[in-house]
Amino acid sequence: MHDGSIYYALMGGRYILKFIGDVRLTLCSSLDQHLKSVLDRSYIQDILVDLTETDGIDSTTLGLIAKLSIYAEQSHLPKPTIVSPNPDITRVLLTMGFDHIFVLLDSLPQSTSDLEQLPLVKESADEIRMRIVEAHRILMNLNESNREAFKDLMTTLEDA
């Protein structure tokens, strides 16, 4: 086991915390201060806690991680996700009730062989046209530039 470290990323509204090594209370002040500053930002849309490289984690750190679930609930966000492939850590998470306040995963897909392909749905030309219209209406409502870009296409599709 090596000393722990904590990394984070904010990517397009997604907040990611990654714990590496043996994460103990020596990092808790840093983590707590960091969480306070990040959670004040209103543009977080979902939260992922990555424990895939975590060797050990103490209860103080887990208590601080639990703050993320409280924040998510208060902010009307989806339950945060924790990825924990280590059975010992997962057992601790389950014992502490984290399965009630987080989505717990033991892994994330690493390649397309781990994923299932969507089945092909066959529809009539009219059904497909309606899906195209709906998708472009959504895009047009995002901003004025999209409205202009898809205006002629929508006129053509709606007149068809």
N, C-alpha and C. Protein backbone atom coordinates (compact mmCIF):
# COMPACT_ATOMS: atom_id res chain seq x y z
N MET A 1 0.84 -1.18 0.00
CA MET A 1 0.00 0.00 0.00
C MET A 1 0.88 1.24 0.00
N HIS A 2 0.50 2.21 -0.83
CA HIS A 2 1.24 3.46 -0.81
C HIS A 2 0.34 4.58 -0.31
N ASP A 3 1.00 5.66 0.13
CA ASP A 3 0.25 6.80 0.63
C ASP A 3 -0.81 7.22 -0.37
N GLY A 4 -1.90 7.69 0.14
CA GLY A 4 -3.01 8.04 -0.71
C GLY A 4 -2.90 9.41 -1.34
N SER A 5 -3.66 9.57 -2.39
CA SER A 5 -3.80 10.86 -3.05
C SER A 5 -5.21 10.94 -3.62
N ILE A 6 -5.66 12.16 -3.81
CA ILE A 6 -7.00 12.40 -4.32
C ILE A 6 -6.89 13.35 -5.51
N TYR A 7 -7.57 12.99 -6.58
CA TYR A 7 -7.60 13.81 -7.79
C TYR A 7 -9.05 14.15 -8.09
N TYR A 8 -9.24 15.21 -8.86
CA TYR A 8 -10.60 15.57 -9.24
C TYR A 8 -10.61 16.16 -10.65
N ALA A 9 -11.79 16.15 -11.23
CA ALA A 9 -12.00 16.79 -12.52
C ALA A 9 -13.43 17.32 -12.55
N LEU A 10 -13.60 18.44 -13.20
CA LEU A 10 -14.91 18.99 -13.51
C LEU A 10 -14.99 19.05 -15.02
N MET A 11 -15.83 18.22 -15.59
CA MET A 11 -15.90 18.10 -17.04
C MET A 11 -17.35 18.20 -17.49
N GLY A 12 -17.70 19.32 -18.10
CA GLY A 12 -19.04 19.49 -18.63
C GLY A 12 -20.14 19.24 -17.62
N GLY A 13 -19.99 19.71 -16.42
CA GLY A 13 -21.01 19.51 -15.40
C GLY A 13 -20.85 18.24 -14.60
N ARG A 14 -19.88 17.41 -14.99
CA ARG A 14 -19.63 16.17 -14.26
C ARG A 14 -18.45 16.37 -13.31
N TYR A 15 -18.70 16.02 -12.07
CA TYR A 15 -17.67 16.14 -11.03
C TYR A 15 -17.15 14.74 -10.74
N ILE A 16 -15.85 14.56 -10.87
CA ILE A 16 -15.23 13.26 -10.67
C ILE A 16 -14.17 13.39 -9.58
N LEU A 17 -14.25 12.48 -8.61
CA LEU A 17 -13.24 12.39 -7.55
C LEU A 17 -12.58 11.02 -7.68
N LYS A 18 -11.27 10.98 -7.72
CA LYS A 18 -10.55 9.71 -7.83
C LYS A 18 -9.60 9.58 -6.64
N PHE A 19 -9.75 8.46 -5.93
CA PHE A 19 -8.92 8.18 -4.76
C PHE A 19 -7.93 7.10 -5.15
N ILE A 20 -6.64 7.35 -4.85
CA ILE A 20 -5.58 6.40 -5.21
C ILE A 20 -4.79 6.05 -3.95
N GLY A 21 -4.53 4.76 -3.78
CA GLY A 21 -3.71 4.29 -2.67
C GLY A 21 -4.51 4.15 -1.39
N ASP A 22 -3.83 4.40 -0.28
CA ASP A 22 -4.42 4.28 1.04
C ASP A 22 -4.82 5.68 1.51
N VAL A 23 -6.10 6.00 1.42
CA VAL A 23 -6.58 7.35 1.70
C VAL A 23 -7.05 7.41 3.14
N ARG A 24 -6.38 8.23 3.93
CA ARG A 24 -6.63 8.32 5.37
C ARG A 24 -6.91 9.76 5.78
N LEU A 25 -7.15 9.92 7.07
CA LEU A 25 -7.53 11.21 7.61
C LEU A 25 -6.51 12.31 7.37
N THR A 26 -5.29 11.98 7.02
CA THR A 26 -4.29 13.01 6.72
C THR A 26 -4.70 13.85 5.51
N LEU A 27 -5.57 13.31 4.67
CA LEU A 27 -6.04 14.04 3.49
C LEU A 27 -7.42 14.68 3.70
N CYS A 28 -8.00 14.49 4.88
CA CYS A 28 -9.38 14.92 5.10
C CYS A 28 -9.55 16.43 5.10
N SER A 29 -8.61 17.17 5.65
CA SER A 29 -8.73 18.63 5.62
C SER A 29 -8.70 19.13 4.19
N SER A 30 -7.80 18.58 3.40
CA SER A 30 -7.73 18.97 1.99
C SER A 30 -9.02 18.61 1.27
N LEU A 31 -9.51 17.41 1.51
CA LEU A 31 -10.74 16.96 0.85
C LEU A 31 -11.92 17.83 1.28
N ASP A 32 -12.05 18.08 2.57
CA ASP A 32 -13.18 18.86 3.06
C ASP A 32 -13.17 20.27 2.47
N GLN A 33 -12.01 20.92 2.47
CA GLN A 33 -11.92 22.27 1.89
C GLN A 33 -12.24 22.26 0.40
N HIS A 34 -11.74 21.25 -0.27
CA HIS A 34 -12.01 21.12 -1.70
C HIS A 34 -13.52 20.94 -1.95
N LEU A 35 -14.16 20.05 -1.21
CA LEU A 35 -15.58 19.80 -1.39
C LEU A 35 -16.39 21.07 -1.15
N LYS A 36 -16.04 21.81 -0.12
CA LYS A 36 -16.76 23.06 0.16
C LYS A 36 -16.68 24.02 -1.02
N SER A 37 -15.51 24.14 -1.62
CA SER A 37 -15.38 25.08 -2.74
C SER A 37 -16.08 24.55 -3.99
N VAL A 38 -16.00 23.27 -4.25
CA VAL A 38 -16.61 22.71 -5.46
C VAL A 38 -18.12 22.67 -5.34
N LEU A 39 -18.64 22.30 -4.19
CA LEU A 39 -20.08 22.13 -4.04
C LEU A 39 -20.82 23.46 -4.04
N ASP A 40 -20.10 24.57 -3.91
CA ASP A 40 -20.72 25.88 -4.03
C ASP A 40 -21.01 26.24 -5.49
N ARG A 41 -20.41 25.49 -6.41
CA ARG A 41 -20.61 25.75 -7.84
C ARG A 41 -21.93 25.11 -8.26
N SER A 42 -22.75 25.88 -8.92
CA SER A 42 -24.09 25.39 -9.25
C SER A 42 -24.16 24.61 -10.56
N TYR A 43 -23.07 24.46 -11.26
CA TYR A 43 -23.14 23.81 -12.57
C TYR A 43 -22.82 22.31 -12.54
N ILE A 44 -22.72 21.73 -11.36
CA ILE A 44 -22.51 20.28 -11.26
C ILE A 44 -23.82 19.58 -11.58
N GLN A 45 -23.75 18.61 -12.51
CA GLN A 45 -24.95 17.88 -12.92
C GLN A 45 -24.95 16.44 -12.42
N ASP A 46 -23.79 15.86 -12.27
CA ASP A 46 -23.71 14.52 -11.69
C ASP A 46 -22.33 14.30 -11.09
N ILE A 47 -22.23 13.26 -10.26
CA ILE A 47 -21.03 13.04 -9.46
C ILE A 47 -20.60 11.58 -9.58
N LEU A 48 -19.30 11.38 -9.78
CA LEU A 48 -18.72 10.04 -9.83
C LEU A 48 -17.54 9.99 -8.88
N VAL A 49 -17.52 8.98 -8.00
CA VAL A 49 -16.39 8.74 -7.10
C VAL A 49 -15.71 7.47 -7.59
N ASP A 50 -14.47 7.60 -8.00
CA ASP A 50 -13.70 6.50 -8.58
C ASP A 50 -12.77 5.90 -7.51
N LEU A 51 -13.08 4.69 -7.08
CA LEU A 51 -12.25 3.98 -6.10
C LEU A 51 -11.53 2.80 -6.76
N THR A 52 -11.37 2.84 -8.07
CA THR A 52 -10.77 1.72 -8.79
C THR A 52 -9.30 1.50 -8.45
N GLU A 53 -8.63 2.53 -7.96
CA GLU A 53 -7.22 2.40 -7.58
C GLU A 53 -7.01 2.65 -6.09
N THR A 54 -8.07 2.47 -5.31
CA THR A 54 -8.01 2.71 -3.87
C THR A 54 -7.66 1.41 -3.16
N ASP A 55 -6.60 1.46 -2.34
CA ASP A 55 -6.19 0.29 -1.56
C ASP A 55 -6.89 0.25 -0.21
N GLY A 56 -7.11 1.41 0.38
CA GLY A 56 -7.74 1.51 1.68
C GLY A 56 -8.36 2.89 1.84
N ILE A 57 -9.39 2.96 2.69
CA ILE A 57 -10.06 4.24 2.90
C ILE A 57 -10.65 4.22 4.31
N ASP A 58 -10.46 5.28 5.05
CA ASP A 58 -10.94 5.28 6.43
C ASP A 58 -12.33 5.90 6.56
N SER A 59 -12.90 5.77 7.75
CA SER A 59 -14.27 6.21 7.97
C SER A 59 -14.42 7.72 7.88
N THR A 60 -13.39 8.47 8.24
CA THR A 60 -13.48 9.93 8.13
C THR A 60 -13.61 10.33 6.67
N THR A 61 -12.81 9.71 5.81
CA THR A 61 -12.89 9.98 4.38
C THR A 61 -14.26 9.57 3.84
N LEU A 62 -14.77 8.42 4.29
CA LEU A 62 -16.09 7.97 3.85
C LEU A 62 -17.18 8.96 4.28
N GLY A 63 -17.03 9.51 5.47
CA GLY A 63 -17.99 10.52 5.93
C GLY A 63 -18.01 11.74 5.03
N LEU A 64 -16.82 12.14 4.58
CA LEU A 64 -16.75 13.29 3.67
C LEU A 64 -17.32 12.94 2.30
N ILE A 65 -17.09 11.71 1.85
CA ILE A 65 -17.68 11.28 0.58
C ILE A 65 -19.21 11.29 0.68
N ALA A 66 -19.73 10.92 1.84
CA ALA A 66 -21.18 10.91 2.04
C ALA A 66 -21.78 12.30 1.85
N LYS A 67 -20.99 13.34 2.08
CA LYS A 67 -21.45 14.72 1.85
C LYS A 67 -21.91 14.90 0.40
N LEU A 68 -21.26 14.19 -0.50
CA LEU A 68 -21.63 14.31 -1.91
C LEU A 68 -23.06 13.87 -2.16
N SER A 69 -23.48 12.83 -1.47
CA SER A 69 -24.86 12.36 -1.63
C SER A 69 -25.85 13.36 -1.05
N ILE A 70 -25.51 13.94 0.08
CA ILE A 70 -26.36 14.96 0.68
C ILE A 70 -26.49 16.15 -0.26
N TYR A 71 -25.36 16.57 -0.81
CA TYR A 71 -25.36 17.68 -1.77
C TYR A 71 -26.23 17.35 -2.98
N ALA A 72 -26.07 16.15 -3.52
CA ALA A 72 -26.84 15.74 -4.70
C ALA A 72 -28.33 15.78 -4.40
N GLU A 73 -28.72 15.25 -3.25
CA GLU A 73 -30.14 15.23 -2.90
C GLU A 73 -30.68 16.65 -2.75
N GLN A 74 -29.94 17.49 -2.04
CA GLN A 74 -30.39 18.88 -1.84
C GLN A 74 -30.45 19.66 -3.15
N SER A 75 -29.60 19.28 -4.10
CA SER A 75 -29.54 19.97 -5.39
C SER A 75 -30.42 19.30 -6.45
N HIS A 76 -31.18 18.30 -6.04
CA HIS A 76 -32.07 17.56 -6.96
C HIS A 76 -31.31 16.93 -8.11
N LEU A 77 -30.13 16.42 -7.80
CA LEU A 77 -29.31 15.71 -8.78
C LEU A 77 -29.55 14.21 -8.63
N PRO A 78 -29.16 13.44 -9.65
CA PRO A 78 -29.24 11.99 -9.47
C PRO A 78 -28.30 11.53 -8.37
N LYS A 79 -28.57 10.34 -7.84
CA LYS A 79 -27.66 9.78 -6.83
C LYS A 79 -26.27 9.73 -7.42
N PRO A 80 -25.26 10.11 -6.65
CA PRO A 80 -23.88 9.98 -7.14
C PRO A 80 -23.53 8.50 -7.32
N THR A 81 -22.52 8.25 -8.12
CA THR A 81 -22.07 6.89 -8.39
C THR A 81 -20.70 6.68 -7.77
N ILE A 82 -20.50 5.51 -7.17
CA ILE A 82 -19.19 5.09 -6.68
C ILE A 82 -18.82 3.82 -7.45
N VAL A 83 -17.61 3.82 -8.00
CA VAL A 83 -17.09 2.63 -8.66
C VAL A 83 -16.03 2.04 -7.74
N SER A 84 -16.30 0.81 -7.26
CA SER A 84 -15.42 0.15 -6.31
C SER A 84 -15.24 -1.32 -6.69
N PRO A 85 -14.14 -1.67 -7.34
CA PRO A 85 -13.90 -3.07 -7.69
C PRO A 85 -13.31 -3.90 -6.56
N ASN A 86 -12.84 -3.24 -5.50
CA ASN A 86 -12.20 -3.91 -4.38
C ASN A 86 -13.28 -4.46 -3.44
N PRO A 87 -13.41 -5.80 -3.32
CA PRO A 87 -14.47 -6.38 -2.49
C PRO A 87 -14.42 -5.94 -1.02
N ASP A 88 -13.21 -5.70 -0.50
CA ASP A 88 -13.10 -5.26 0.90
C ASP A 88 -13.69 -3.86 1.08
N ILE A 89 -13.37 -2.98 0.16
CA ILE A 89 -13.91 -1.61 0.24
C ILE A 89 -15.41 -1.63 0.00
N THR A 90 -15.85 -2.40 -0.98
CA THR A 90 -17.27 -2.50 -1.27
C THR A 90 -18.05 -3.02 -0.06
N ARG A 91 -17.48 -3.99 0.63
CA ARG A 91 -18.13 -4.53 1.84
C ARG A 91 -18.31 -3.43 2.88
N VAL A 92 -17.28 -2.60 3.06
CA VAL A 92 -17.38 -1.48 4.00
C VAL A 92 -18.47 -0.51 3.55
N LEU A 93 -18.50 -0.20 2.25
CA LEU A 93 -19.53 0.71 1.73
C LEU A 93 -20.93 0.17 2.00
N LEU A 94 -21.12 -1.13 1.77
CA LEU A 94 -22.42 -1.74 1.99
C LEU A 94 -22.78 -1.74 3.48
N THR A 95 -21.81 -2.06 4.32
CA THR A 95 -22.04 -2.08 5.76
C THR A 95 -22.45 -0.71 6.27
N MET A 96 -21.87 0.33 5.70
CA MET A 96 -22.17 1.69 6.14
C MET A 96 -23.42 2.26 5.47
N GLY A 97 -24.07 1.48 4.61
CA GLY A 97 -25.31 1.94 3.99
C GLY A 97 -25.15 2.80 2.76
N PHE A 98 -23.96 2.81 2.18
CA PHE A 98 -23.73 3.64 1.00
C PHE A 98 -24.59 3.21 -0.19
N ASP A 99 -25.05 1.96 -0.19
CA ASP A 99 -25.90 1.51 -1.29
C ASP A 99 -27.26 2.19 -1.27
N HIS A 100 -27.61 2.87 -0.18
CA HIS A 100 -28.87 3.60 -0.10
C HIS A 100 -28.72 5.04 -0.59
N ILE A 101 -27.50 5.55 -0.58
CA ILE A 101 -27.30 6.96 -0.95
C ILE A 101 -26.42 7.15 -2.18
N PHE A 102 -25.89 6.06 -2.71
CA PHE A 102 -25.06 6.10 -3.93
C PHE A 102 -25.48 4.95 -4.83
N VAL A 103 -25.19 5.08 -6.10
CA VAL A 103 -25.25 3.95 -7.01
C VAL A 103 -23.87 3.31 -6.92
N LEU A 104 -23.80 2.04 -6.54
CA LEU A 104 -22.52 1.35 -6.39
C LEU A 104 -22.29 0.44 -7.59
N LEU A 105 -21.14 0.62 -8.23
CA LEU A 105 -20.74 -0.22 -9.35
C LEU A 105 -19.40 -0.86 -9.03
N ASP A 106 -19.18 -2.07 -9.53
CA ASP A 106 -17.88 -2.70 -9.30
C ASP A 106 -16.92 -2.47 -10.46
N SER A 107 -17.43 -1.94 -11.56
CA SER A 107 -16.55 -1.62 -12.69
C SER A 107 -17.29 -0.73 -13.67
N LEU A 108 -16.54 -0.17 -14.57
CA LEU A 108 -17.08 0.56 -15.71
C LEU A 108 -16.64 -0.16 -16.96
N PRO A 109 -17.45 -0.14 -18.01
CA PRO A 109 -17.03 -0.80 -19.25
C PRO A 109 -15.71 -0.22 -19.76
N GLN A 110 -14.79 -1.11 -20.13
CA GLN A 110 -13.48 -0.69 -20.61
C GLN A 110 -13.36 -0.78 -22.13
N SER A 111 -14.24 -1.57 -22.76
CA SER A 111 -14.19 -1.70 -24.20
C SER A 111 -15.59 -2.03 -24.72
N THR A 112 -15.74 -1.97 -26.03
CA THR A 112 -17.06 -2.27 -26.60
C THR A 112 -17.46 -3.72 -26.37
N SER A 113 -16.49 -4.59 -26.09
CA SER A 113 -16.85 -5.98 -25.81
C SER A 113 -17.60 -6.12 -24.48
N ASP A 114 -17.49 -5.10 -23.62
CA ASP A 114 -18.21 -5.10 -22.35
C ASP A 114 -19.61 -4.49 -22.47
N LEU A 115 -19.93 -4.00 -23.64
CA LEU A 115 -21.20 -3.30 -23.84
C LEU A 115 -22.11 -4.11 -24.76
N GLU A 116 -23.39 -3.82 -24.67
CA GLU A 116 -24.36 -4.43 -25.57
C GLU A 116 -24.77 -3.40 -26.61
N GLN A 117 -24.85 -3.83 -27.84
CA GLN A 117 -25.27 -2.93 -28.90
C GLN A 117 -26.79 -2.79 -28.88
N LEU A 118 -27.24 -1.57 -29.12
CA LEU A 118 -28.68 -1.35 -29.21
C LEU A 118 -29.24 -2.12 -30.39
N PRO A 119 -30.40 -2.74 -30.21
CA PRO A 119 -31.01 -3.44 -31.34
C PRO A 119 -31.55 -2.43 -32.36
N LEU A 120 -31.48 -2.78 -33.62
CA LEU A 120 -31.98 -1.93 -34.69
C LEU A 120 -33.51 -1.98 -34.70
N VAL A 121 -34.13 -0.81 -34.67
CA VAL A 121 -35.58 -0.71 -34.70
C VAL A 121 -35.99 -0.26 -36.10
N LYS A 122 -36.87 -0.98 -36.71
CA LYS A 122 -37.37 -0.62 -38.05
C LYS A 122 -38.67 0.14 -37.89
N GLU A 123 -38.72 1.29 -38.56
CA GLU A 123 -39.91 2.13 -38.51
C GLU A 123 -40.26 2.58 -39.92
N SER A 124 -41.47 3.07 -40.04
CA SER A 124 -41.91 3.61 -41.33
C SER A 124 -41.21 4.94 -41.59
N ALA A 125 -41.28 5.39 -42.82
CA ALA A 125 -40.67 6.66 -43.20
C ALA A 125 -41.29 7.81 -42.40
N ASP A 126 -42.61 7.77 -42.18
CA ASP A 126 -43.27 8.82 -41.40
C ASP A 126 -42.80 8.82 -39.94
N GLU A 127 -42.63 7.65 -39.36
CA GLU A 127 -42.16 7.57 -37.97
C GLU A 127 -40.73 8.10 -37.85
N ILE A 128 -39.90 7.77 -38.83
CA ILE A 128 -38.52 8.26 -38.83
C ILE A 128 -38.51 9.79 -38.98
N ARG A 129 -39.34 10.29 -39.91
CA ARG A 129 -39.42 11.74 -40.12
C ARG A 129 -39.83 12.43 -38.82
N MET A 130 -40.79 11.88 -38.08
CA MET A 130 -41.23 12.48 -36.82
C MET A 130 -40.10 12.49 -35.78
N ARG A 131 -39.29 11.45 -35.75
CA ARG A 131 -38.14 11.42 -34.83
C ARG A 131 -37.12 12.49 -35.22
N ILE A 132 -36.90 12.66 -36.51
CA ILE A 132 -35.97 13.69 -36.99
C ILE A 132 -36.48 15.07 -36.62
N VAL A 133 -37.77 15.30 -36.81
CA VAL A 133 -38.38 16.59 -36.45
C VAL A 133 -38.22 16.84 -34.96
N GLU A 134 -38.54 15.85 -34.14
CA GLU A 134 -38.44 16.00 -32.69
C GLU A 134 -37.00 16.32 -32.26
N ALA A 135 -36.04 15.58 -32.80
CA ALA A 135 -34.64 15.78 -32.43
C ALA A 135 -34.17 17.19 -32.82
N HIS A 136 -34.59 17.66 -33.98
CA HIS A 136 -34.16 18.98 -34.43
C HIS A 136 -34.89 20.11 -33.70
N ARG A 137 -36.11 19.85 -33.27
CA ARG A 137 -36.81 20.84 -32.43
C ARG A 137 -36.03 21.04 -31.13
N ILE A 138 -35.58 19.94 -30.56
CA ILE A 138 -34.80 20.03 -29.32
C ILE A 138 -33.53 20.83 -29.56
N LEU A 139 -32.82 20.54 -30.65
CA LEU A 139 -31.60 21.29 -30.97
C LEU A 139 -31.90 22.77 -31.20
N MET A 140 -32.99 23.05 -31.89
CA MET A 140 -33.34 24.45 -32.17
C MET A 140 -33.65 25.23 -30.90
N ASN A 141 -34.16 24.54 -29.90
CA ASN A 141 -34.48 25.22 -28.64
C ASN A 141 -33.27 25.48 -27.77
N LEU A 142 -32.12 24.93 -28.15
CA LEU A 142 -30.92 25.15 -27.35
C LEU A 142 -30.34 26.55 -27.52
N ASN A 143 -30.38 27.08 -28.75
CA ASN A 143 -29.85 28.43 -28.96
C ASN A 143 -30.28 28.97 -30.32
N GLU A 144 -30.08 30.26 -30.50
CA GLU A 144 -30.49 30.95 -31.73
C GLU A 144 -29.72 30.46 -32.95
N SER A 145 -28.47 30.15 -32.76
CA SER A 145 -27.65 29.65 -33.87
C SER A 145 -28.24 28.35 -34.43
N ASN A 146 -28.63 27.44 -33.56
CA ASN A 146 -29.26 26.20 -34.00
C ASN A 146 -30.60 26.47 -34.69
N ARG A 147 -31.34 27.44 -34.13
CA ARG A 147 -32.63 27.77 -34.74
C ARG A 147 -32.44 28.18 -36.20
N GLU A 148 -31.44 29.01 -36.43
CA GLU A 148 -31.15 29.46 -37.80
C GLU A 148 -30.64 28.31 -38.66
N ALA A 149 -29.76 27.51 -38.11
CA ALA A 149 -29.13 26.43 -38.89
C ALA A 149 -30.15 25.39 -39.36
N PHE A 150 -31.18 25.12 -38.56
CA PHE A 150 -32.12 24.04 -38.88
C PHE A 150 -33.49 24.54 -39.35
N LYS A 151 -33.64 25.85 -39.48
CA LYS A 151 -34.92 26.43 -39.86
C LYS A 151 -35.43 25.86 -41.19
N ASP A 152 -34.60 25.88 -42.22
CA ASP A 152 -35.02 25.39 -43.54
C ASP A 152 -35.30 23.90 -43.53
N LEU A 153 -34.46 23.12 -42.84
CA LEU A 153 -34.69 21.69 -42.74
C LEU A 153 -36.04 21.40 -42.09
N MET A 154 -36.34 22.11 -41.01
CA MET A 154 -37.60 21.89 -40.30
C MET A 154 -38.80 22.24 -41.18
N THR A 155 -38.69 23.31 -41.94
CA THR A 155 -39.77 23.68 -42.85
C THR A 155 -40.02 22.58 -43.86
N THR A 156 -38.94 22.05 -44.43
CA THR A 156 -39.04 20.97 -45.41
C THR A 156 -39.65 19.72 -44.78
N LEU A 157 -39.17 19.34 -43.59
CA LEU A 157 -39.67 18.14 -42.93
C LEU A 157 -41.13 18.28 -42.51
N GLU A 158 -41.50 19.45 -42.02
CA GLU A 158 -42.87 19.63 -41.55
C GLU A 158 -43.86 19.73 -42.71
N ASP A 159 -43.39 20.17 -43.87
CA ASP A 159 -44.25 20.26 -45.06
C ASP A 159 -44.39 18.92 -45.78
N ALA A 160 -43.52 17.97 -45.45
CA ALA A 160 -43.53 16.68 -46.16
C ALA A 160 -44.72 15.82 -45.78
